[in-house]
N, C-alpha and C. Protein backbone atom coordinates (compact mmCIF):
# COMPACT_ATOMS: atom_id res chain seq x y z
N UNK A 1 46.31 85.81 137.19
CA UNK A 1 46.64 86.18 135.87
C UNK A 1 47.83 87.18 135.98
N UNK A 2 47.48 88.19 136.92
CA UNK A 2 48.33 89.25 136.88
C UNK A 2 49.64 88.97 137.39
N UNK A 3 49.84 87.87 138.49
CA UNK A 3 51.01 87.64 138.37
C UNK A 3 51.67 86.66 137.56
N UNK A 4 51.14 86.23 136.69
CA UNK A 4 51.99 85.32 135.59
C UNK A 4 52.38 86.71 134.96
N UNK A 5 51.74 87.53 134.34
CA UNK A 5 52.02 88.50 133.64
C UNK A 5 53.38 89.42 133.98
N UNK A 6 53.25 89.44 135.44
CA UNK A 6 54.08 90.31 136.09
C UNK A 6 55.47 89.34 136.04
N UNK A 7 55.31 88.33 136.35
CA UNK A 7 56.65 87.43 136.22
C UNK A 7 57.35 87.10 134.95
N UNK A 8 56.45 86.91 133.92
CA UNK A 8 56.93 87.19 132.60
C UNK A 8 57.61 88.11 132.00
N UNK A 9 57.04 89.39 132.31
CA UNK A 9 57.97 90.70 132.29
C UNK A 9 58.67 91.13 132.95
N UNK A 10 59.15 90.37 134.29
CA UNK A 10 60.13 90.48 134.88
C UNK A 10 61.18 89.68 134.67
N UNK A 11 61.03 88.60 134.09
CA UNK A 11 62.01 87.47 133.69
C UNK A 11 62.67 88.19 132.27
N UNK A 12 61.66 88.63 131.41
CA UNK A 12 62.31 89.41 130.27
C UNK A 12 62.78 90.46 130.35
N UNK A 13 62.61 91.40 131.53
CA UNK A 13 63.54 92.33 131.86
C UNK A 13 64.89 92.14 132.17
N UNK A 14 64.85 91.01 133.17
CA UNK A 14 66.13 90.64 133.83
C UNK A 14 67.10 90.12 132.51
N UNK A 15 66.39 89.11 131.47
CA UNK A 15 67.02 88.48 130.56
C UNK A 15 67.59 89.64 129.55
N UNK A 16 66.86 90.47 129.40
CA UNK A 16 67.50 91.75 128.34
C UNK A 16 68.64 92.57 129.11
N UNK A 17 68.53 92.73 130.35
CA UNK A 17 69.31 93.24 131.21
C UNK A 17 70.76 92.50 131.22
N UNK A 18 70.59 91.40 131.34
CA UNK A 18 72.03 90.58 131.43
C UNK A 18 72.56 90.32 130.04
N UNK A 19 71.95 90.30 129.03
CA UNK A 19 72.17 90.18 127.61
C UNK A 19 72.85 91.57 127.20
N UNK A 20 72.37 92.83 127.62
CA UNK A 20 73.01 93.93 127.19
C UNK A 20 74.35 93.98 127.95
N UNK A 21 74.59 93.52 128.95
CA UNK A 21 75.63 93.83 129.84
C UNK A 21 76.83 92.71 129.26
N UNK A 22 76.54 91.71 128.92
CA UNK A 22 77.19 90.54 127.94
C UNK A 22 78.32 91.34 127.29
N UNK A 23 79.57 91.35 127.68
CA UNK A 23 80.52 91.76 126.68
C UNK A 23 80.58 90.92 125.30
N UNK A 24 80.63 91.76 124.19
CA UNK A 24 80.78 91.04 122.86
C UNK A 24 82.29 91.01 122.64
N UNK A 25 82.58 89.66 122.02
CA UNK A 25 83.91 89.38 121.75
C UNK A 25 84.01 90.28 120.40
N UNK A 26 85.27 91.03 120.31
CA UNK A 26 85.80 91.66 118.97
C UNK A 26 85.68 90.37 117.68
N UNK A 27 85.53 91.03 116.75
CA UNK A 27 85.51 90.23 115.51
C UNK A 27 87.16 89.98 115.40
N UNK A 28 87.26 88.84 114.89
CA UNK A 28 88.63 88.44 114.30
C UNK A 28 88.92 89.49 112.94
N UNK A 29 88.20 89.53 111.96
CA UNK A 29 88.70 90.57 110.87
C UNK A 29 87.62 91.78 111.45
N UNK A 30 88.64 92.55 111.64
CA UNK A 30 87.98 93.88 112.14
C UNK A 30 87.21 94.67 110.79
N UNK A 31 86.06 95.55 111.49
CA UNK A 31 85.54 96.29 110.33
C UNK A 31 86.40 97.72 110.15
N UNK A 32 86.23 98.06 108.74
CA UNK A 32 87.04 98.97 108.39
C UNK A 32 86.38 100.17 107.38
N UNK A 33 86.64 101.22 107.28
CA UNK A 33 85.69 102.21 106.25
C UNK A 33 86.79 103.14 105.80
N UNK A 34 86.92 103.57 104.62
CA UNK A 34 87.67 104.33 104.11
C UNK A 34 86.82 105.22 103.02
N UNK A 35 86.94 106.68 103.30
CA UNK A 35 86.40 107.63 102.33
C UNK A 35 87.46 108.55 102.05
N UNK A 36 87.15 108.72 100.50
CA UNK A 36 88.36 109.63 100.11
C UNK A 36 87.52 110.48 98.88
N UNK A 37 87.63 111.95 98.77
CA UNK A 37 87.35 112.61 98.15
C UNK A 37 88.14 112.82 96.76
N UNK A 38 87.83 112.60 95.53
CA UNK A 38 88.71 112.66 94.41
C UNK A 38 87.83 113.54 93.40
N UNK A 39 88.45 115.04 93.29
CA UNK A 39 87.79 115.65 92.33
C UNK A 39 86.22 116.36 93.13
N UNK A 40 85.40 115.72 92.65
CA UNK A 40 83.85 116.57 92.89
C UNK A 40 83.29 114.76 93.64
N UNK A 41 84.05 113.76 93.66
CA UNK A 41 83.36 112.38 93.73
C UNK A 41 84.02 111.88 95.27
N UNK A 42 82.96 111.58 95.98
CA UNK A 42 83.28 111.13 97.21
C UNK A 42 83.22 109.31 97.05
N UNK A 43 84.37 108.77 97.55
CA UNK A 43 84.56 107.20 97.39
C UNK A 43 84.41 106.40 98.69
N UNK A 44 83.59 105.65 99.28
CA UNK A 44 83.80 104.86 100.59
C UNK A 44 83.58 103.82 100.31
N UNK A 45 84.61 102.75 101.03
CA UNK A 45 84.82 101.69 100.86
C UNK A 45 84.40 101.04 102.42
N UNK A 46 83.60 100.09 102.50
CA UNK A 46 83.40 99.29 103.92
C UNK A 46 83.87 97.99 103.88
N UNK A 47 84.53 97.44 104.82
CA UNK A 47 85.07 96.00 104.34
C UNK A 47 85.35 95.83 105.76
N UNK A 48 85.87 94.39 105.91
CA UNK A 48 86.44 93.76 106.92
C UNK A 48 88.08 93.07 106.61
N UNK A 49 88.69 93.22 107.41
CA UNK A 49 90.26 93.22 107.32
C UNK A 49 90.78 91.75 107.74
N UNK A 50 90.85 90.48 107.29
CA UNK A 50 91.33 89.40 107.79
C UNK A 50 92.91 89.63 108.05
N UNK A 51 93.38 88.79 108.92
CA UNK A 51 94.82 88.73 109.28
C UNK A 51 95.41 87.43 108.67
N UNK A 52 96.84 87.36 108.24
CA UNK A 52 97.44 86.42 107.53
C UNK A 52 97.38 85.18 108.64
N UNK A 53 98.15 85.51 109.82
CA UNK A 53 98.41 84.29 110.71
C UNK A 53 99.26 83.37 110.32
N UNK A 54 100.09 83.52 109.56
CA UNK A 54 100.71 82.54 109.33
C UNK A 54 100.53 81.49 108.12
N UNK A 55 99.26 81.98 107.18
CA UNK A 55 98.76 81.03 106.34
C UNK A 55 99.05 81.41 105.51
N UNK A 56 99.14 80.54 104.22
CA UNK A 56 99.26 80.87 102.57
C UNK A 56 97.85 81.76 102.25
N UNK A 57 97.93 82.60 101.66
CA UNK A 57 96.73 83.63 101.41
C UNK A 57 96.28 83.27 100.11
N UNK A 58 97.14 83.62 99.14
CA UNK A 58 96.62 83.48 97.70
C UNK A 58 96.90 82.11 97.11
N UNK A 59 95.94 81.50 96.50
CA UNK A 59 96.13 80.16 96.12
C UNK A 59 95.69 79.00 97.06
N UNK A 60 95.40 79.13 98.43
CA UNK A 60 95.18 78.32 99.42
C UNK A 60 94.12 78.98 100.07
N UNK A 61 94.05 79.76 101.09
CA UNK A 61 93.05 80.50 101.72
C UNK A 61 92.04 81.34 100.87
N UNK A 62 92.61 81.78 100.01
CA UNK A 62 91.78 82.69 98.88
C UNK A 62 92.09 81.85 97.65
N UNK A 63 91.25 80.81 97.27
CA UNK A 63 91.73 79.93 96.21
C UNK A 63 91.82 80.60 94.64
N UNK A 64 92.51 80.24 93.81
CA UNK A 64 92.76 80.82 92.63
C UNK A 64 91.58 80.40 91.67
N UNK A 65 90.99 81.56 91.12
CA UNK A 65 89.80 80.69 90.15
C UNK A 65 88.49 80.72 90.44
N UNK A 66 88.31 81.17 91.85
CA UNK A 66 87.06 81.39 92.29
C UNK A 66 86.52 82.76 93.11
N UNK A 67 85.31 82.81 92.87
CA UNK A 67 84.91 84.27 93.60
C UNK A 67 85.10 84.46 95.03
N UNK A 68 85.79 85.74 95.20
CA UNK A 68 86.21 86.02 96.59
C UNK A 68 85.60 87.37 96.97
N UNK A 69 84.99 87.20 97.93
CA UNK A 69 84.32 88.52 98.78
C UNK A 69 85.24 89.71 98.83
N UNK A 70 86.57 89.66 98.47
CA UNK A 70 87.56 90.60 98.67
C UNK A 70 87.36 91.19 100.16
N UNK A 71 87.64 90.52 101.21
CA UNK A 71 87.67 90.92 102.29
C UNK A 71 87.17 89.50 103.21
N UNK A 72 86.33 90.11 104.43
CA UNK A 72 86.03 89.04 105.33
C UNK A 72 84.42 89.37 105.66
N UNK A 73 83.70 88.26 105.98
CA UNK A 73 82.46 88.48 106.81
C UNK A 73 81.62 88.93 105.47
N UNK A 74 80.86 90.08 105.91
CA UNK A 74 79.92 90.73 104.96
C UNK A 74 80.55 91.09 103.84
N UNK A 75 79.86 91.41 102.50
CA UNK A 75 80.60 91.45 101.51
C UNK A 75 81.31 92.98 101.29
N UNK A 76 82.63 93.24 101.07
CA UNK A 76 82.91 94.68 100.91
C UNK A 76 82.32 95.63 99.68
N UNK A 77 81.83 96.73 100.26
CA UNK A 77 81.08 97.59 99.47
C UNK A 77 81.98 99.06 98.97
N UNK A 78 81.55 99.47 97.85
CA UNK A 78 82.22 101.02 97.39
C UNK A 78 80.99 101.43 96.92
N UNK A 79 81.02 102.75 97.39
CA UNK A 79 80.13 103.67 96.84
C UNK A 79 80.64 104.90 96.08
N UNK A 80 80.25 105.12 95.16
CA UNK A 80 80.67 106.49 94.26
C UNK A 80 79.67 107.59 94.18
N UNK A 81 79.66 108.71 94.54
CA UNK A 81 78.78 109.59 94.40
C UNK A 81 78.37 110.28 93.04
N UNK A 82 79.19 109.97 92.36
CA UNK A 82 79.13 110.43 90.77
C UNK A 82 79.79 109.19 89.93
N UNK A 83 79.34 109.41 88.69
CA UNK A 83 79.80 108.28 87.71
C UNK A 83 81.34 108.12 87.81
N UNK A 84 81.85 107.26 87.45
CA UNK A 84 83.54 106.90 87.58
C UNK A 84 83.69 106.22 86.25
N UNK A 85 84.93 106.03 85.68
CA UNK A 85 85.19 105.26 84.71
C UNK A 85 86.64 104.46 85.04
N UNK A 86 86.32 103.26 84.65
CA UNK A 86 87.33 102.14 85.12
C UNK A 86 87.50 101.16 84.09
N UNK A 87 88.72 100.93 83.78
CA UNK A 87 89.15 99.90 82.46
C UNK A 87 88.37 100.69 81.17
N UNK A 88 88.33 102.00 81.24
CA UNK A 88 87.65 102.50 79.90
C UNK A 88 86.21 102.12 79.89
N UNK A 89 85.50 101.88 80.91
CA UNK A 89 84.04 101.90 81.17
C UNK A 89 83.59 102.56 81.85
N UNK A 90 82.39 102.99 81.75
CA UNK A 90 81.49 104.16 82.90
C UNK A 90 81.13 103.12 83.82
N UNK A 91 81.25 103.33 85.22
CA UNK A 91 80.38 102.77 86.42
C UNK A 91 79.55 103.92 86.86
N UNK A 92 78.30 103.76 86.76
CA UNK A 92 77.41 104.90 87.19
C UNK A 92 77.38 105.01 88.69
N UNK A 93 77.34 106.14 89.39
CA UNK A 93 77.24 106.27 90.74
C UNK A 93 76.34 105.49 91.26
N UNK A 94 76.64 105.31 92.64
CA UNK A 94 75.99 104.24 93.33
C UNK A 94 76.82 103.13 94.35
N UNK A 95 76.36 102.35 94.96
CA UNK A 95 76.65 101.18 95.89
C UNK A 95 76.71 100.10 95.13
N UNK A 96 78.12 99.52 95.30
CA UNK A 96 78.19 98.23 94.84
C UNK A 96 79.03 97.29 95.63
N UNK A 97 78.82 96.05 95.54
CA UNK A 97 79.81 94.82 96.25
C UNK A 97 81.06 94.89 95.30
N UNK A 98 81.98 94.58 95.94
CA UNK A 98 83.39 94.43 95.35
C UNK A 98 83.50 92.92 95.19
N UNK A 99 83.95 92.02 94.40
CA UNK A 99 84.09 90.95 94.45
C UNK A 99 85.22 90.47 93.42
N UNK A 100 86.15 89.74 93.82
CA UNK A 100 87.44 89.57 92.55
C UNK A 100 87.58 87.89 92.46
N UNK A 101 88.09 87.75 91.48
CA UNK A 101 88.40 86.38 90.65
C UNK A 101 89.78 86.42 90.77
N UNK A 102 90.61 86.17 92.02
CA UNK A 102 92.04 86.09 91.96
C UNK A 102 92.83 84.95 91.21
N UNK A 103 93.90 85.38 90.57
CA UNK A 103 94.82 84.44 89.82
C UNK A 103 96.11 84.42 90.24
N UNK A 104 96.91 83.95 89.60
CA UNK A 104 98.50 84.29 90.23
C UNK A 104 99.31 85.43 89.88
N UNK A 105 98.71 85.64 88.25
CA UNK A 105 99.32 86.71 87.80
C UNK A 105 98.43 88.00 87.29
N UNK A 106 97.08 87.93 87.84
CA UNK A 106 95.90 88.82 87.54
C UNK A 106 95.01 88.36 88.25
N UNK A 107 93.91 89.79 88.49
CA UNK A 107 92.65 89.46 88.97
C UNK A 107 91.57 90.26 88.16
N UNK A 108 90.70 89.51 88.04
CA UNK A 108 89.34 90.03 87.90
C UNK A 108 88.70 90.86 89.08
N UNK A 109 88.33 92.06 88.92
CA UNK A 109 87.75 92.90 89.85
C UNK A 109 86.56 93.35 89.71
N UNK A 110 85.39 92.58 90.17
CA UNK A 110 83.90 92.83 90.02
C UNK A 110 82.90 94.08 90.66
N UNK A 111 82.62 94.64 90.33
CA UNK A 111 81.43 95.56 90.78
C UNK A 111 80.45 95.00 90.53
N UNK A 112 79.52 94.70 91.63
CA UNK A 112 78.25 94.02 91.63
C UNK A 112 76.98 94.87 92.23
N UNK A 113 75.85 94.73 91.58
CA UNK A 113 74.99 95.72 91.94
C UNK A 113 74.30 95.17 92.97
N UNK A 114 74.27 94.21 93.55
CA UNK A 114 73.46 93.68 94.90
C UNK A 114 74.51 94.01 95.82
N UNK A 115 74.55 94.62 96.68
CA UNK A 115 75.75 94.87 98.05
C UNK A 115 75.06 94.45 99.10
N UNK A 116 73.99 93.54 99.28
CA UNK A 116 73.53 92.95 100.65
C UNK A 116 73.79 91.96 100.72
N UNK A 117 75.03 91.15 100.74
CA UNK A 117 75.16 89.81 101.09
C UNK A 117 76.21 89.89 102.21
N UNK A 118 76.01 88.55 102.56
CA UNK A 118 77.15 88.23 103.76
C UNK A 118 77.81 87.21 102.74
N UNK A 119 79.24 87.64 102.73
CA UNK A 119 79.97 86.80 101.60
C UNK A 119 79.71 86.98 100.37
N UNK A 120 79.80 85.71 99.83
CA UNK A 120 79.15 85.50 98.40
C UNK A 120 77.84 85.52 97.97
N UNK A 121 77.10 86.10 97.12
CA UNK A 121 75.87 85.65 97.03
C UNK A 121 75.55 84.25 97.13
N UNK A 122 74.39 83.76 97.50
CA UNK A 122 73.93 82.18 97.64
C UNK A 122 73.76 82.21 96.00
N UNK A 123 73.43 82.87 94.96
CA UNK A 123 73.36 82.61 93.67
C UNK A 123 73.83 83.52 93.04
N UNK A 124 75.25 83.31 92.25
CA UNK A 124 75.89 84.22 91.71
C UNK A 124 74.93 84.56 90.46
N UNK A 125 74.73 85.86 90.21
CA UNK A 125 73.95 86.23 88.84
C UNK A 125 74.74 87.37 87.80
N UNK A 126 75.18 86.79 87.15
CA UNK A 126 76.00 87.66 85.82
C UNK A 126 75.52 88.90 85.51
N UNK A 127 74.01 88.96 85.65
CA UNK A 127 73.24 90.22 85.09
C UNK A 127 73.51 91.40 86.06
N UNK A 128 73.92 91.06 87.44
CA UNK A 128 74.03 91.91 88.60
C UNK A 128 75.55 92.47 88.34
N UNK A 129 76.49 92.11 87.34
CA UNK A 129 77.79 92.65 87.38
C UNK A 129 77.72 94.13 86.43
N UNK A 130 77.87 95.08 87.11
CA UNK A 130 78.01 96.46 86.80
C UNK A 130 79.11 96.64 85.82
N UNK A 131 80.25 96.15 86.11
CA UNK A 131 81.53 96.43 85.54
C UNK A 131 82.59 95.39 86.28
N UNK A 132 83.29 94.87 85.02
CA UNK A 132 84.43 93.72 85.54
C UNK A 132 85.79 94.44 84.82
N UNK A 133 87.00 94.39 85.62
CA UNK A 133 88.21 94.99 84.99
C UNK A 133 89.21 93.86 85.46
N UNK A 134 90.08 93.64 84.42
CA UNK A 134 91.14 92.64 85.03
C UNK A 134 92.29 93.52 84.79
N UNK A 135 93.05 93.12 85.91
CA UNK A 135 94.37 94.03 86.38
C UNK A 135 95.24 93.15 87.05
N UNK A 136 96.63 93.45 86.46
CA UNK A 136 97.59 92.36 86.74
C UNK A 136 98.04 92.41 88.75
N UNK A 137 98.53 91.43 88.75
CA UNK A 137 99.21 91.21 90.20
C UNK A 137 100.57 91.86 90.40
N UNK A 138 100.67 92.53 91.30
CA UNK A 138 102.23 93.20 91.44
C UNK A 138 102.30 92.69 92.95
N UNK A 139 103.99 91.79 92.76
CA UNK A 139 104.40 91.59 94.13
C UNK A 139 105.21 92.81 94.70
N UNK A 140 105.02 92.73 96.02
CA UNK A 140 105.88 93.66 97.02
C UNK A 140 106.60 92.97 98.14
N UNK A 141 107.69 93.80 98.20
CA UNK A 141 108.78 93.18 99.11
C UNK A 141 108.32 92.95 100.74
N UNK A 142 107.64 93.91 100.87
CA UNK A 142 107.19 93.95 102.39
C UNK A 142 105.89 93.17 102.53
N UNK A 143 105.91 92.13 103.50
CA UNK A 143 104.65 91.22 103.73
C UNK A 143 103.70 92.17 104.67
N UNK A 144 102.26 92.10 104.05
CA UNK A 144 101.35 92.85 104.81
C UNK A 144 100.37 91.71 105.52
N UNK A 145 100.31 92.02 106.83
CA UNK A 145 99.69 91.08 107.72
C UNK A 145 98.11 91.05 107.67
N UNK A 146 97.78 92.30 107.34
CA UNK A 146 96.26 92.67 107.64
C UNK A 146 95.55 93.04 106.10
N UNK A 147 94.89 92.33 105.48
CA UNK A 147 94.28 92.57 104.47
C UNK A 147 94.05 94.26 104.37
N UNK A 148 94.21 94.89 103.39
CA UNK A 148 93.86 96.59 103.58
C UNK A 148 93.50 97.04 102.03
N UNK A 149 92.59 97.59 102.03
CA UNK A 149 92.01 98.61 100.73
C UNK A 149 92.35 99.96 100.83
N UNK A 150 93.09 100.53 99.94
CA UNK A 150 93.67 102.05 100.03
C UNK A 150 92.83 102.53 98.69
N UNK A 151 92.96 103.93 98.98
CA UNK A 151 92.61 105.02 97.62
C UNK A 151 93.61 105.94 97.61
N UNK A 152 94.60 105.73 96.71
CA UNK A 152 95.75 106.10 96.75
C UNK A 152 96.32 106.84 95.50
N UNK A 153 97.28 107.25 95.35
CA UNK A 153 98.02 107.84 94.14
C UNK A 153 96.90 108.95 93.51
N UNK A 154 96.37 109.93 94.31
CA UNK A 154 95.44 110.57 94.12
C UNK A 154 95.82 111.92 93.12
N UNK A 155 95.04 112.24 91.98
CA UNK A 155 94.90 113.69 91.46
C UNK A 155 93.47 114.52 91.65
N UNK A 156 93.57 115.42 90.92
CA UNK A 156 92.27 115.89 91.14
C UNK A 156 91.03 115.15 90.48
N UNK A 157 91.39 114.34 89.33
CA UNK A 157 90.37 113.69 88.69
C UNK A 157 90.74 112.24 88.78
N UNK A 158 91.64 111.54 89.51
CA UNK A 158 91.47 109.98 89.74
C UNK A 158 92.42 109.65 90.94
N UNK A 159 92.38 108.28 91.00
CA UNK A 159 92.78 107.55 92.31
C UNK A 159 92.97 106.23 91.83
N UNK A 160 93.76 105.35 92.78
CA UNK A 160 94.00 104.03 92.41
C UNK A 160 93.21 103.27 93.86
N UNK A 161 92.59 102.58 93.30
CA UNK A 161 91.84 101.60 94.39
C UNK A 161 92.68 100.48 94.48
N UNK A 162 93.34 100.06 95.61
CA UNK A 162 94.39 99.26 95.84
C UNK A 162 93.94 98.01 96.95
N UNK A 163 94.35 96.84 96.68
CA UNK A 163 93.82 95.66 97.45
C UNK A 163 95.31 95.18 97.96
N UNK A 164 95.89 95.11 98.91
CA UNK A 164 97.17 94.69 99.69
C UNK A 164 96.85 93.70 100.71
N UNK A 165 97.48 92.62 100.20
CA UNK A 165 97.62 91.73 101.53
C UNK A 165 98.76 90.48 101.10
N UNK A 166 99.58 90.22 102.13
CA UNK A 166 100.69 89.26 102.15
C UNK A 166 101.66 90.09 101.45
N UNK A 167 102.01 89.45 100.03
CA UNK A 167 103.03 90.24 99.13
C UNK A 167 102.45 90.47 97.93
N UNK A 168 101.03 90.65 98.03
CA UNK A 168 100.25 90.96 96.71
C UNK A 168 99.69 92.24 96.72
N UNK A 169 99.96 93.08 95.59
CA UNK A 169 99.30 94.09 95.56
C UNK A 169 98.44 94.45 94.27
N UNK A 170 96.88 94.58 94.18
CA UNK A 170 96.04 94.55 92.82
C UNK A 170 95.82 96.20 92.80
N UNK A 171 95.88 96.77 92.03
CA UNK A 171 95.69 98.32 91.81
C UNK A 171 94.90 98.38 90.58
N UNK A 172 93.83 99.18 90.79
CA UNK A 172 92.54 99.45 90.04
C UNK A 172 92.39 101.21 89.81
N UNK A 173 92.68 101.69 88.54
CA UNK A 173 92.56 102.94 88.30
C UNK A 173 91.30 103.40 88.29
N UNK A 174 90.80 104.56 88.81
CA UNK A 174 89.62 104.94 88.92
C UNK A 174 89.39 106.54 88.60
N UNK A 175 88.99 106.93 87.04
CA UNK A 175 88.77 107.99 86.87
C UNK A 175 87.48 108.63 87.40
N UNK A 176 87.65 109.96 88.02
CA UNK A 176 86.31 110.53 88.50
C UNK A 176 86.02 111.58 87.33
N UNK A 177 84.45 111.35 87.17
CA UNK A 177 83.70 112.33 86.09
C UNK A 177 83.10 113.49 87.00
N UNK A 178 82.96 114.50 86.48
CA UNK A 178 82.21 115.65 87.31
C UNK A 178 80.83 115.46 87.25
């Protein structure tokens, strides 16, 4: 009996060592995190960055009129250490998933209270929408290969949360409260 147990333990140990030494392939859509202090508020965005790779992005890869996780892999999250104001409405401090509903000329940007999903939630629940804002799409001259989220145009009390991919820029103003 001792030989069987020792044999199983040896097999398990070797298996763990082999798996630990197997190199992992990097993700196609690399992980990114951006943290920015605006006034007294820290804003942190975690997301994955897909590449264009010659594809038509908006209207095809990311269909118009369908909820998009606003990135790749697990859903994009944003965390605020203080309450903020977006589109004239207060968004309480906390962590949210960012989803969007892209259209050719505008996007609905959605801050969703359930931030623990892989991609889109299995069951969309409107009661989990903490805030939704509609913003216009801006076309930019230079093509951006890799999906990028930025926190730009900073003041001591505001910033612009920007989504940039291909020739599209979507800009959401965030006012930070003390």
